[in-house]
Amino acid sequence: MEEIRAEIERIAKLLYQEKKDDAYAGISSLVPELVAYTGGIEDTEKQQKLTEVLGNALGAMEEEDLTLLADILQYDLMDELV
């Protein structure tokens, strides 16, 4: 879990620096780990919240809003990974 959290922090920093390509490459490698983590959650409410946060992140990516995406990763996603 600490590796995932460290990677999210690294990606958020890249997004704040507007290094989109590097950040998206990091997200691409992080997604399988997040999917596996989400699938292993037995608490359906927590699983739904995490899925909602990931959906918000996808929306920010579609809008190419790098700051919003960084905020979602840094704050919302990190809050769910406790």
N, C-alpha and C. Protein backbone atom coordinates (compact mmCIF):
# COMPACT_ATOMS: atom_id res chain seq x y z
N MET A 1 0.81 -1.19 0.00
CA MET A 1 0.00 0.00 0.00
C MET A 1 0.87 1.27 0.00
N GLU A 2 1.96 1.24 0.73
CA GLU A 2 2.83 2.41 0.78
C GLU A 2 3.42 2.73 -0.60
N GLU A 3 3.69 1.69 -1.38
CA GLU A 3 4.21 1.91 -2.73
C GLU A 3 3.17 2.61 -3.61
N ILE A 4 1.92 2.20 -3.46
CA ILE A 4 0.84 2.82 -4.23
C ILE A 4 0.70 4.29 -3.82
N ARG A 5 0.71 4.55 -2.52
CA ARG A 5 0.59 5.93 -2.03
C ARG A 5 1.75 6.79 -2.51
N ALA A 6 2.96 6.25 -2.49
CA ALA A 6 4.13 7.00 -2.96
C ALA A 6 4.02 7.31 -4.45
N GLU A 7 3.53 6.35 -5.21
CA GLU A 7 3.37 6.56 -6.66
C GLU A 7 2.30 7.62 -6.93
N ILE A 8 1.22 7.60 -6.17
CA ILE A 8 0.17 8.62 -6.34
C ILE A 8 0.74 10.01 -6.05
N GLU A 9 1.52 10.13 -5.00
CA GLU A 9 2.14 11.41 -4.68
C GLU A 9 3.07 11.87 -5.81
N ARG A 10 3.85 10.94 -6.35
CA ARG A 10 4.76 11.27 -7.45
C ARG A 10 3.98 11.75 -8.67
N ILE A 11 2.90 11.05 -8.99
CA ILE A 11 2.08 11.41 -10.14
C ILE A 11 1.43 12.77 -9.93
N ALA A 12 0.91 13.02 -8.74
CA ALA A 12 0.28 14.32 -8.45
C ALA A 12 1.30 15.45 -8.63
N LYS A 13 2.52 15.26 -8.17
CA LYS A 13 3.55 16.29 -8.34
C LYS A 13 3.81 16.55 -9.82
N LEU A 14 3.86 15.49 -10.61
CA LEU A 14 4.06 15.65 -12.05
C LEU A 14 2.90 16.44 -12.68
N LEU A 15 1.69 16.16 -12.23
CA LEU A 15 0.53 16.86 -12.76
C LEU A 15 0.57 18.34 -12.39
N TYR A 16 0.93 18.64 -11.14
CA TYR A 16 1.04 20.04 -10.72
C TYR A 16 2.11 20.77 -11.53
N GLN A 17 3.12 20.04 -11.98
CA GLN A 17 4.19 20.62 -12.81
C GLN A 17 3.82 20.61 -14.30
N GLU A 18 2.61 20.15 -14.60
CA GLU A 18 2.09 20.05 -15.97
C GLU A 18 2.92 19.14 -16.86
N LYS A 19 3.47 18.09 -16.26
CA LYS A 19 4.20 17.07 -17.01
C LYS A 19 3.24 15.93 -17.31
N LYS A 20 2.31 16.24 -18.20
CA LYS A 20 1.19 15.36 -18.50
C LYS A 20 1.63 13.98 -18.96
N ASP A 21 2.54 13.91 -19.92
CA ASP A 21 2.93 12.60 -20.47
C ASP A 21 3.54 11.69 -19.41
N ASP A 22 4.42 12.23 -18.59
CA ASP A 22 5.03 11.44 -17.52
C ASP A 22 3.98 11.00 -16.49
N ALA A 23 3.09 11.93 -16.16
CA ALA A 23 2.04 11.62 -15.18
C ALA A 23 1.11 10.53 -15.72
N TYR A 24 0.70 10.66 -16.97
CA TYR A 24 -0.21 9.67 -17.54
C TYR A 24 0.45 8.30 -17.67
N ALA A 25 1.74 8.28 -17.92
CA ALA A 25 2.46 7.00 -17.96
C ALA A 25 2.43 6.36 -16.58
N GLY A 26 2.61 7.17 -15.55
CA GLY A 26 2.54 6.65 -14.18
C GLY A 26 1.15 6.15 -13.84
N ILE A 27 0.13 6.88 -14.27
CA ILE A 27 -1.26 6.46 -14.02
C ILE A 27 -1.52 5.14 -14.71
N SER A 28 -1.03 5.02 -15.94
CA SER A 28 -1.24 3.79 -16.70
C SER A 28 -0.67 2.57 -15.99
N SER A 29 0.48 2.72 -15.35
CA SER A 29 1.06 1.58 -14.64
C SER A 29 0.42 1.38 -13.27
N LEU A 30 -0.24 2.41 -12.75
CA LEU A 30 -0.86 2.32 -11.43
C LEU A 30 -2.26 1.69 -11.48
N VAL A 31 -2.94 1.84 -12.61
CA VAL A 31 -4.32 1.38 -12.73
C VAL A 31 -4.50 -0.10 -12.37
N PRO A 32 -3.68 -1.01 -12.88
CA PRO A 32 -3.88 -2.42 -12.52
C PRO A 32 -3.79 -2.66 -11.00
N GLU A 33 -2.89 -1.96 -10.35
CA GLU A 33 -2.75 -2.11 -8.90
C GLU A 33 -4.00 -1.59 -8.18
N LEU A 34 -4.54 -0.47 -8.65
CA LEU A 34 -5.75 0.08 -8.03
C LEU A 34 -6.96 -0.82 -8.28
N VAL A 35 -7.05 -1.39 -9.47
CA VAL A 35 -8.14 -2.32 -9.78
C VAL A 35 -8.07 -3.53 -8.86
N ALA A 36 -6.88 -4.08 -8.69
CA ALA A 36 -6.71 -5.23 -7.81
C ALA A 36 -7.07 -4.86 -6.37
N TYR A 37 -6.63 -3.70 -5.93
CA TYR A 37 -6.94 -3.25 -4.57
C TYR A 37 -8.44 -3.09 -4.39
N THR A 38 -9.09 -2.44 -5.35
CA THR A 38 -10.54 -2.20 -5.27
C THR A 38 -11.30 -3.52 -5.24
N GLY A 39 -10.88 -4.47 -6.06
CA GLY A 39 -11.54 -5.78 -6.10
C GLY A 39 -11.40 -6.56 -4.82
N GLY A 40 -10.36 -6.26 -4.04
CA GLY A 40 -10.13 -6.97 -2.79
C GLY A 40 -10.85 -6.38 -1.59
N ILE A 41 -11.53 -5.26 -1.78
CA ILE A 41 -12.24 -4.61 -0.69
C ILE A 41 -13.57 -5.32 -0.47
N GLU A 42 -13.83 -5.75 0.75
CA GLU A 42 -15.08 -6.43 1.05
C GLU A 42 -16.19 -5.47 1.44
N ASP A 43 -15.83 -4.32 1.97
CA ASP A 43 -16.80 -3.30 2.37
C ASP A 43 -17.35 -2.62 1.11
N THR A 44 -18.60 -2.92 0.75
CA THR A 44 -19.15 -2.41 -0.51
C THR A 44 -19.26 -0.88 -0.53
N GLU A 45 -19.51 -0.27 0.62
CA GLU A 45 -19.60 1.19 0.67
C GLU A 45 -18.24 1.81 0.34
N LYS A 46 -17.19 1.26 0.92
CA LYS A 46 -15.84 1.76 0.64
C LYS A 46 -15.47 1.50 -0.81
N GLN A 47 -15.85 0.35 -1.32
CA GLN A 47 -15.57 0.01 -2.72
C GLN A 47 -16.28 1.00 -3.65
N GLN A 48 -17.53 1.33 -3.34
CA GLN A 48 -18.27 2.29 -4.16
C GLN A 48 -17.64 3.67 -4.11
N LYS A 49 -17.20 4.10 -2.93
CA LYS A 49 -16.57 5.41 -2.79
C LYS A 49 -15.28 5.47 -3.61
N LEU A 50 -14.48 4.41 -3.53
CA LEU A 50 -13.23 4.37 -4.30
C LEU A 50 -13.52 4.38 -5.80
N THR A 51 -14.52 3.65 -6.22
CA THR A 51 -14.92 3.63 -7.62
C THR A 51 -15.37 5.02 -8.07
N GLU A 52 -16.10 5.72 -7.20
CA GLU A 52 -16.55 7.08 -7.50
C GLU A 52 -15.35 8.03 -7.66
N VAL A 53 -14.38 7.91 -6.77
CA VAL A 53 -13.18 8.75 -6.84
C VAL A 53 -12.43 8.48 -8.15
N LEU A 54 -12.29 7.22 -8.51
CA LEU A 54 -11.60 6.87 -9.75
C LEU A 54 -12.37 7.39 -10.97
N GLY A 55 -13.70 7.36 -10.90
CA GLY A 55 -14.52 7.92 -11.97
C GLY A 55 -14.32 9.42 -12.10
N ASN A 56 -14.21 10.11 -10.97
CA ASN A 56 -13.94 11.55 -10.98
C ASN A 56 -12.58 11.83 -11.60
N ALA A 57 -11.60 10.98 -11.29
CA ALA A 57 -10.26 11.14 -11.86
C ALA A 57 -10.32 10.97 -13.38
N LEU A 58 -11.07 9.99 -13.83
CA LEU A 58 -11.22 9.77 -15.27
C LEU A 58 -11.87 10.98 -15.94
N GLY A 59 -12.87 11.55 -15.28
CA GLY A 59 -13.52 12.75 -15.82
C GLY A 59 -12.54 13.90 -15.95
N ALA A 60 -11.68 14.08 -14.96
CA ALA A 60 -10.67 15.14 -15.01
C ALA A 60 -9.69 14.88 -16.15
N MET A 61 -9.35 13.62 -16.37
CA MET A 61 -8.45 13.28 -17.48
C MET A 61 -9.11 13.60 -18.82
N GLU A 62 -10.39 13.28 -18.95
CA GLU A 62 -11.10 13.55 -20.19
C GLU A 62 -11.17 15.04 -20.47
N GLU A 63 -11.31 15.84 -19.41
CA GLU A 63 -11.36 17.29 -19.55
C GLU A 63 -9.96 17.90 -19.65
N GLU A 64 -8.94 17.07 -19.48
CA GLU A 64 -7.54 17.50 -19.47
C GLU A 64 -7.29 18.58 -18.42
N ASP A 65 -7.95 18.43 -17.28
CA ASP A 65 -7.78 19.35 -16.15
C ASP A 65 -6.74 18.73 -15.21
N LEU A 66 -5.50 19.06 -15.45
CA LEU A 66 -4.40 18.43 -14.71
C LEU A 66 -4.41 18.79 -13.24
N THR A 67 -4.77 20.02 -12.92
CA THR A 67 -4.80 20.43 -11.51
C THR A 67 -5.90 19.70 -10.77
N LEU A 68 -7.08 19.60 -11.37
CA LEU A 68 -8.18 18.86 -10.73
C LEU A 68 -7.79 17.40 -10.55
N LEU A 69 -7.18 16.80 -11.57
CA LEU A 69 -6.76 15.41 -11.48
C LEU A 69 -5.75 15.23 -10.35
N ALA A 70 -4.79 16.13 -10.25
CA ALA A 70 -3.80 16.07 -9.17
C ALA A 70 -4.48 16.17 -7.82
N ASP A 71 -5.44 17.08 -7.69
CA ASP A 71 -6.16 17.24 -6.42
C ASP A 71 -6.93 15.97 -6.07
N ILE A 72 -7.58 15.38 -7.05
CA ILE A 72 -8.35 14.15 -6.80
C ILE A 72 -7.41 13.04 -6.32
N LEU A 73 -6.29 12.90 -7.00
CA LEU A 73 -5.33 11.86 -6.60
C LEU A 73 -4.75 12.15 -5.22
N GLN A 74 -4.29 13.37 -5.03
CA GLN A 74 -3.59 13.76 -3.81
C GLN A 74 -4.50 13.72 -2.58
N TYR A 75 -5.74 14.14 -2.73
CA TYR A 75 -6.61 14.25 -1.57
C TYR A 75 -7.67 13.17 -1.51
N ASP A 76 -8.52 13.09 -2.54
CA ASP A 76 -9.63 12.14 -2.49
C ASP A 76 -9.16 10.68 -2.51
N LEU A 77 -8.30 10.36 -3.46
CA LEU A 77 -7.84 8.97 -3.57
C LEU A 77 -7.01 8.56 -2.36
N MET A 78 -6.11 9.43 -1.94
CA MET A 78 -5.28 9.12 -0.77
C MET A 78 -6.14 8.89 0.47
N ASP A 79 -7.21 9.66 0.61
CA ASP A 79 -8.12 9.49 1.75
C ASP A 79 -8.77 8.10 1.75
N GLU A 80 -9.01 7.58 0.57
CA GLU A 80 -9.67 6.27 0.46
C GLU A 80 -8.69 5.11 0.65
N LEU A 81 -7.42 5.37 0.56
CA LEU A 81 -6.42 4.31 0.67
C LEU A 81 -5.82 4.22 2.08
N VAL A 82 -6.65 4.33 3.06
CA VAL A 82 -6.18 4.21 4.46
C VAL A 82 -6.58 2.89 5.06
